[in-house]
Amino acid sequence: IHCSAPTAIKALVDKLSENGAKIYGLTECSNSFEYNAKFNRLRECYENVFQHHGDLISIDSRHKKVLIMEFLAEREHIDPENILFVDDSYQEIMEAFDHGFYSMHTTEAMERFS
């Protein structure tokens, strides 16, 4: 019940958001209850960042994260190398890196930005 975002990740997200970066969450959810629970937790942990349901994108497989990021990059007219992808799966990070996204593991982000 009483969880909070890792301090370094929160600082990174807050700083990026303050500088005008658009922050999205990508999550694998099996139902709307799970999605809403995750969205509400993100909204609590990252004030002023996750304000709309479109800020958290639900996918049916974590292996679709790169595909979704490619769609977002195209829609927003952003080069993939200008998109930071942070994830806890090395497989997803390597796939994103292979598609040109700036990618790092969650532990690396916490070390770099603490």
C-alpha atoms as a PDB file:
ATOM      1  CA  ILE A   1       0.000   0.000   0.000  1.00  0.00           C
ATOM      2  CA  HIS A   2       2.755   2.444   0.947  1.00  0.00           C
ATOM      3  CA  CYS A   3       5.183   2.279  -1.936  1.00  0.00           C
ATOM      4  CA  SER A   4       7.070   5.078  -3.573  1.00  0.00           C
ATOM      5  CA  ALA A   5       9.075   5.586  -6.723  1.00  0.00           C
ATOM      6  CA  PRO A   6      12.833   5.061  -6.474  1.00  0.00           C
ATOM      7  CA  THR A   7      14.341   8.461  -5.639  1.00  0.00           C
ATOM      8  CA  ALA A   8      16.725   8.506  -8.607  1.00  0.00           C
ATOM      9  CA  ILE A   9      14.048   7.492 -11.113  1.00  0.00           C
ATOM     10  CA  LYS A  10      11.654  10.061  -9.683  1.00  0.00           C
ATOM     11  CA  ALA A  11      14.347  12.749  -9.977  1.00  0.00           C
ATOM     12  CA  LEU A  12      15.032  11.736 -13.582  1.00  0.00           C
ATOM     13  CA  VAL A  13      11.365  11.722 -14.559  1.00  0.00           C
ATOM     14  CA  ASP A  14      10.713  15.027 -12.791  1.00  0.00           C
ATOM     15  CA  LYS A  15      13.723  16.709 -14.444  1.00  0.00           C
ATOM     16  CA  LEU A  16      12.797  15.439 -17.905  1.00  0.00           C
ATOM     17  CA  SER A  17       9.200  16.521 -17.411  1.00  0.00           C
ATOM     18  CA  GLU A  18      10.247  19.991 -16.179  1.00  0.00           C
ATOM     19  CA  ASN A  19      12.329  20.380 -19.351  1.00  0.00           C
ATOM     20  CA  GLY A  20       9.352  19.606 -21.566  1.00  0.00           C
ATOM     21  CA  ALA A  21       9.940  15.930 -22.280  1.00  0.00           C
ATOM     22  CA  LYS A  22       6.858  13.803 -22.736  1.00  0.00           C
ATOM     23  CA  ILE A  23       6.892  10.821 -20.372  1.00  0.00           C
ATOM     24  CA  TYR A  24       5.080   7.593 -21.197  1.00  0.00           C
ATOM     25  CA  GLY A  25       4.767   4.385 -19.272  1.00  0.00           C
ATOM     26  CA  LEU A  26       4.506   1.089 -21.120  1.00  0.00           C
ATOM     27  CA  THR A  27       3.072  -1.807 -19.180  1.00  0.00           C
ATOM     28  CA  GLU A  28       1.781  -5.275 -19.796  1.00  0.00           C
ATOM     29  CA  CYS A  29      -1.692  -5.603 -18.304  1.00  0.00           C
ATOM     30  CA  SER A  30      -4.226  -8.383 -18.495  1.00  0.00           C
ATOM     31  CA  ASN A  31      -7.300  -6.403 -17.404  1.00  0.00           C
ATOM     32  CA  SER A  32      -8.613  -2.935 -16.627  1.00  0.00           C
ATOM     33  CA  PHE A  33      -8.349  -3.417 -12.862  1.00  0.00           C
ATOM     34  CA  GLU A  34      -4.604  -4.043 -13.165  1.00  0.00           C
ATOM     35  CA  TYR A  35      -4.191  -1.107 -15.545  1.00  0.00           C
ATOM     36  CA  ASN A  36      -6.081   1.298 -13.279  1.00  0.00           C
ATOM     37  CA  ALA A  37      -4.104   0.167 -10.231  1.00  0.00           C
ATOM     38  CA  LYS A  38      -0.819   0.844 -12.053  1.00  0.00           C
ATOM     39  CA  PHE A  39      -2.048   4.176 -13.418  1.00  0.00           C
ATOM     40  CA  ASN A  40      -3.185   5.368  -9.987  1.00  0.00           C
ATOM     41  CA  ARG A  41       0.135   4.350  -8.415  1.00  0.00           C
ATOM     42  CA  LEU A  42       2.096   6.210 -11.096  1.00  0.00           C
ATOM     43  CA  ARG A  43      -0.109   9.272 -10.654  1.00  0.00           C
ATOM     44  CA  GLU A  44       0.594   9.199  -6.909  1.00  0.00           C
ATOM     45  CA  CYS A  45       4.346   8.655  -7.283  1.00  0.00           C
ATOM     46  CA  TYR A  46       4.958  11.042 -10.179  1.00  0.00           C
ATOM     47  CA  GLU A  47       2.831  14.122  -9.547  1.00  0.00           C
ATOM     48  CA  ASN A  48       2.079  16.217 -12.625  1.00  0.00           C
ATOM     49  CA  VAL A  49       3.501  13.570 -14.980  1.00  0.00           C
ATOM     50  CA  PHE A  50       0.898  10.812 -15.323  1.00  0.00           C
ATOM     51  CA  GLN A  51      -2.231  12.928 -15.598  1.00  0.00           C
ATOM     52  CA  HIS A  52      -4.092  11.194 -18.428  1.00  0.00           C
ATOM     53  CA  HIS A  53      -4.736   7.542 -19.184  1.00  0.00           C
ATOM     54  CA  GLY A  54      -2.847   7.959 -22.471  1.00  0.00           C
ATOM     55  CA  ASP A  55       0.320   8.545 -20.438  1.00  0.00           C
ATOM     56  CA  LEU A  56       0.332   4.870 -19.454  1.00  0.00           C
ATOM     57  CA  ILE A  57       0.050   2.587 -22.450  1.00  0.00           C
ATOM     58  CA  SER A  58      -1.161  -0.934 -21.859  1.00  0.00           C
ATOM     59  CA  ILE A  59       0.123  -3.696 -24.115  1.00  0.00           C
ATOM     60  CA  ASP A  60      -0.647  -7.392 -24.170  1.00  0.00           C
ATOM     61  CA  SER A  61       3.022  -8.426 -24.458  1.00  0.00           C
ATOM     62  CA  ARG A  62       6.167  -6.750 -23.193  1.00  0.00           C
ATOM     63  CA  HIS A  63       7.738  -7.662 -26.532  1.00  0.00           C
ATOM     64  CA  LYS A  64       5.666  -4.943 -28.206  1.00  0.00           C
ATOM     65  CA  LYS A  65       7.341  -2.068 -26.360  1.00  0.00           C
ATOM     66  CA  VAL A  66       9.701  -1.246 -29.229  1.00  0.00           C
ATOM     67  CA  LEU A  67       6.836  -1.302 -31.716  1.00  0.00           C
ATOM     68  CA  ILE A  68       4.839   1.133 -29.570  1.00  0.00           C
ATOM     69  CA  MET A  69       7.874   3.410 -29.188  1.00  0.00           C
ATOM     70  CA  GLU A  70       8.336   3.410 -32.960  1.00  0.00           C
ATOM     71  CA  PHE A  71       4.698   4.460 -33.376  1.00  0.00           C
ATOM     72  CA  LEU A  72       5.134   7.233 -30.787  1.00  0.00           C
ATOM     73  CA  ALA A  73       8.360   8.439 -32.412  1.00  0.00           C
ATOM     74  CA  GLU A  74       6.668   8.610 -35.794  1.00  0.00           C
ATOM     75  CA  ARG A  75       3.562  10.321 -34.418  1.00  0.00           C
ATOM     76  CA  GLU A  76       5.579  12.908 -32.481  1.00  0.00           C
ATOM     77  CA  HIS A  77       8.215  13.321 -35.240  1.00  0.00           C
ATOM     78  CA  ILE A  78      11.058  12.380 -32.892  1.00  0.00           C
ATOM     79  CA  ASP A  79      14.170  10.470 -33.907  1.00  0.00           C
ATOM     80  CA  PRO A  80      14.545   7.241 -31.884  1.00  0.00           C
ATOM     81  CA  GLU A  81      17.972   8.318 -30.562  1.00  0.00           C
ATOM     82  CA  ASN A  82      16.197  11.225 -28.832  1.00  0.00           C
ATOM     83  CA  ILE A  83      13.976   8.840 -26.877  1.00  0.00           C
ATOM     84  CA  LEU A  84      15.175   7.449 -23.558  1.00  0.00           C
ATOM     85  CA  PHE A  85      13.913   3.949 -22.823  1.00  0.00           C
ATOM     86  CA  VAL A  86      14.378   2.638 -19.283  1.00  0.00           C
ATOM     87  CA  ASP A  87      13.310  -0.917 -18.516  1.00  0.00           C
ATOM     88  CA  ASP A  88      14.051  -3.770 -16.138  1.00  0.00           C
ATOM     89  CA  SER A  89      14.458  -6.338 -18.940  1.00  0.00           C
ATOM     90  CA  TYR A  90      17.830  -6.594 -20.657  1.00  0.00           C
ATOM     91  CA  GLN A  91      16.149  -8.278 -23.628  1.00  0.00           C
ATOM     92  CA  GLU A  92      13.842  -5.297 -24.147  1.00  0.00           C
ATOM     93  CA  ILE A  93      16.717  -2.842 -23.693  1.00  0.00           C
ATOM     94  CA  MET A  94      18.839  -4.583 -26.319  1.00  0.00           C
ATOM     95  CA  GLU A  95      15.927  -4.730 -28.754  1.00  0.00           C
ATOM     96  CA  ALA A  96      15.243  -1.014 -28.255  1.00  0.00           C
ATOM     97  CA  PHE A  97      18.953  -0.235 -28.671  1.00  0.00           C
ATOM     98  CA  ASP A  98      19.018  -2.252 -31.912  1.00  0.00           C
ATOM     99  CA  HIS A  99      16.164  -0.046 -33.178  1.00  0.00           C
ATOM    100  CA  GLY A 100      18.066   3.154 -32.416  1.00  0.00           C
ATOM    101  CA  PHE A 101      16.575   4.127 -29.044  1.00  0.00           C
ATOM    102  CA  TYR A 102      18.749   5.431 -26.215  1.00  0.00           C
ATOM    103  CA  SER A 103      18.246   2.598 -23.738  1.00  0.00           C
ATOM    104  CA  MET A 104      19.334   1.718 -20.229  1.00  0.00           C
ATOM    105  CA  HIS A 105      18.469  -0.776 -17.528  1.00  0.00           C
ATOM    106  CA  THR A 106      16.596   0.461 -14.478  1.00  0.00           C
ATOM    107  CA  THR A 107      19.594  -0.228 -12.228  1.00  0.00           C
ATOM    108  CA  GLU A 108      21.867   1.821 -14.505  1.00  0.00           C
ATOM    109  CA  ALA A 109      19.403   4.710 -14.452  1.00  0.00           C
ATOM    110  CA  MET A 110      19.275   4.571 -10.658  1.00  0.00           C
ATOM    111  CA  GLU A 111      23.073   4.613 -10.439  1.00  0.00           C
ATOM    112  CA  ARG A 112      23.475   7.427 -12.959  1.00  0.00           C
ATOM    113  CA  PHE A 113      20.791   9.698 -11.580  1.00  0.00           C
ATOM    114  CA  SER A 114      21.056   9.166  -7.833  1.00  0.00           C
END
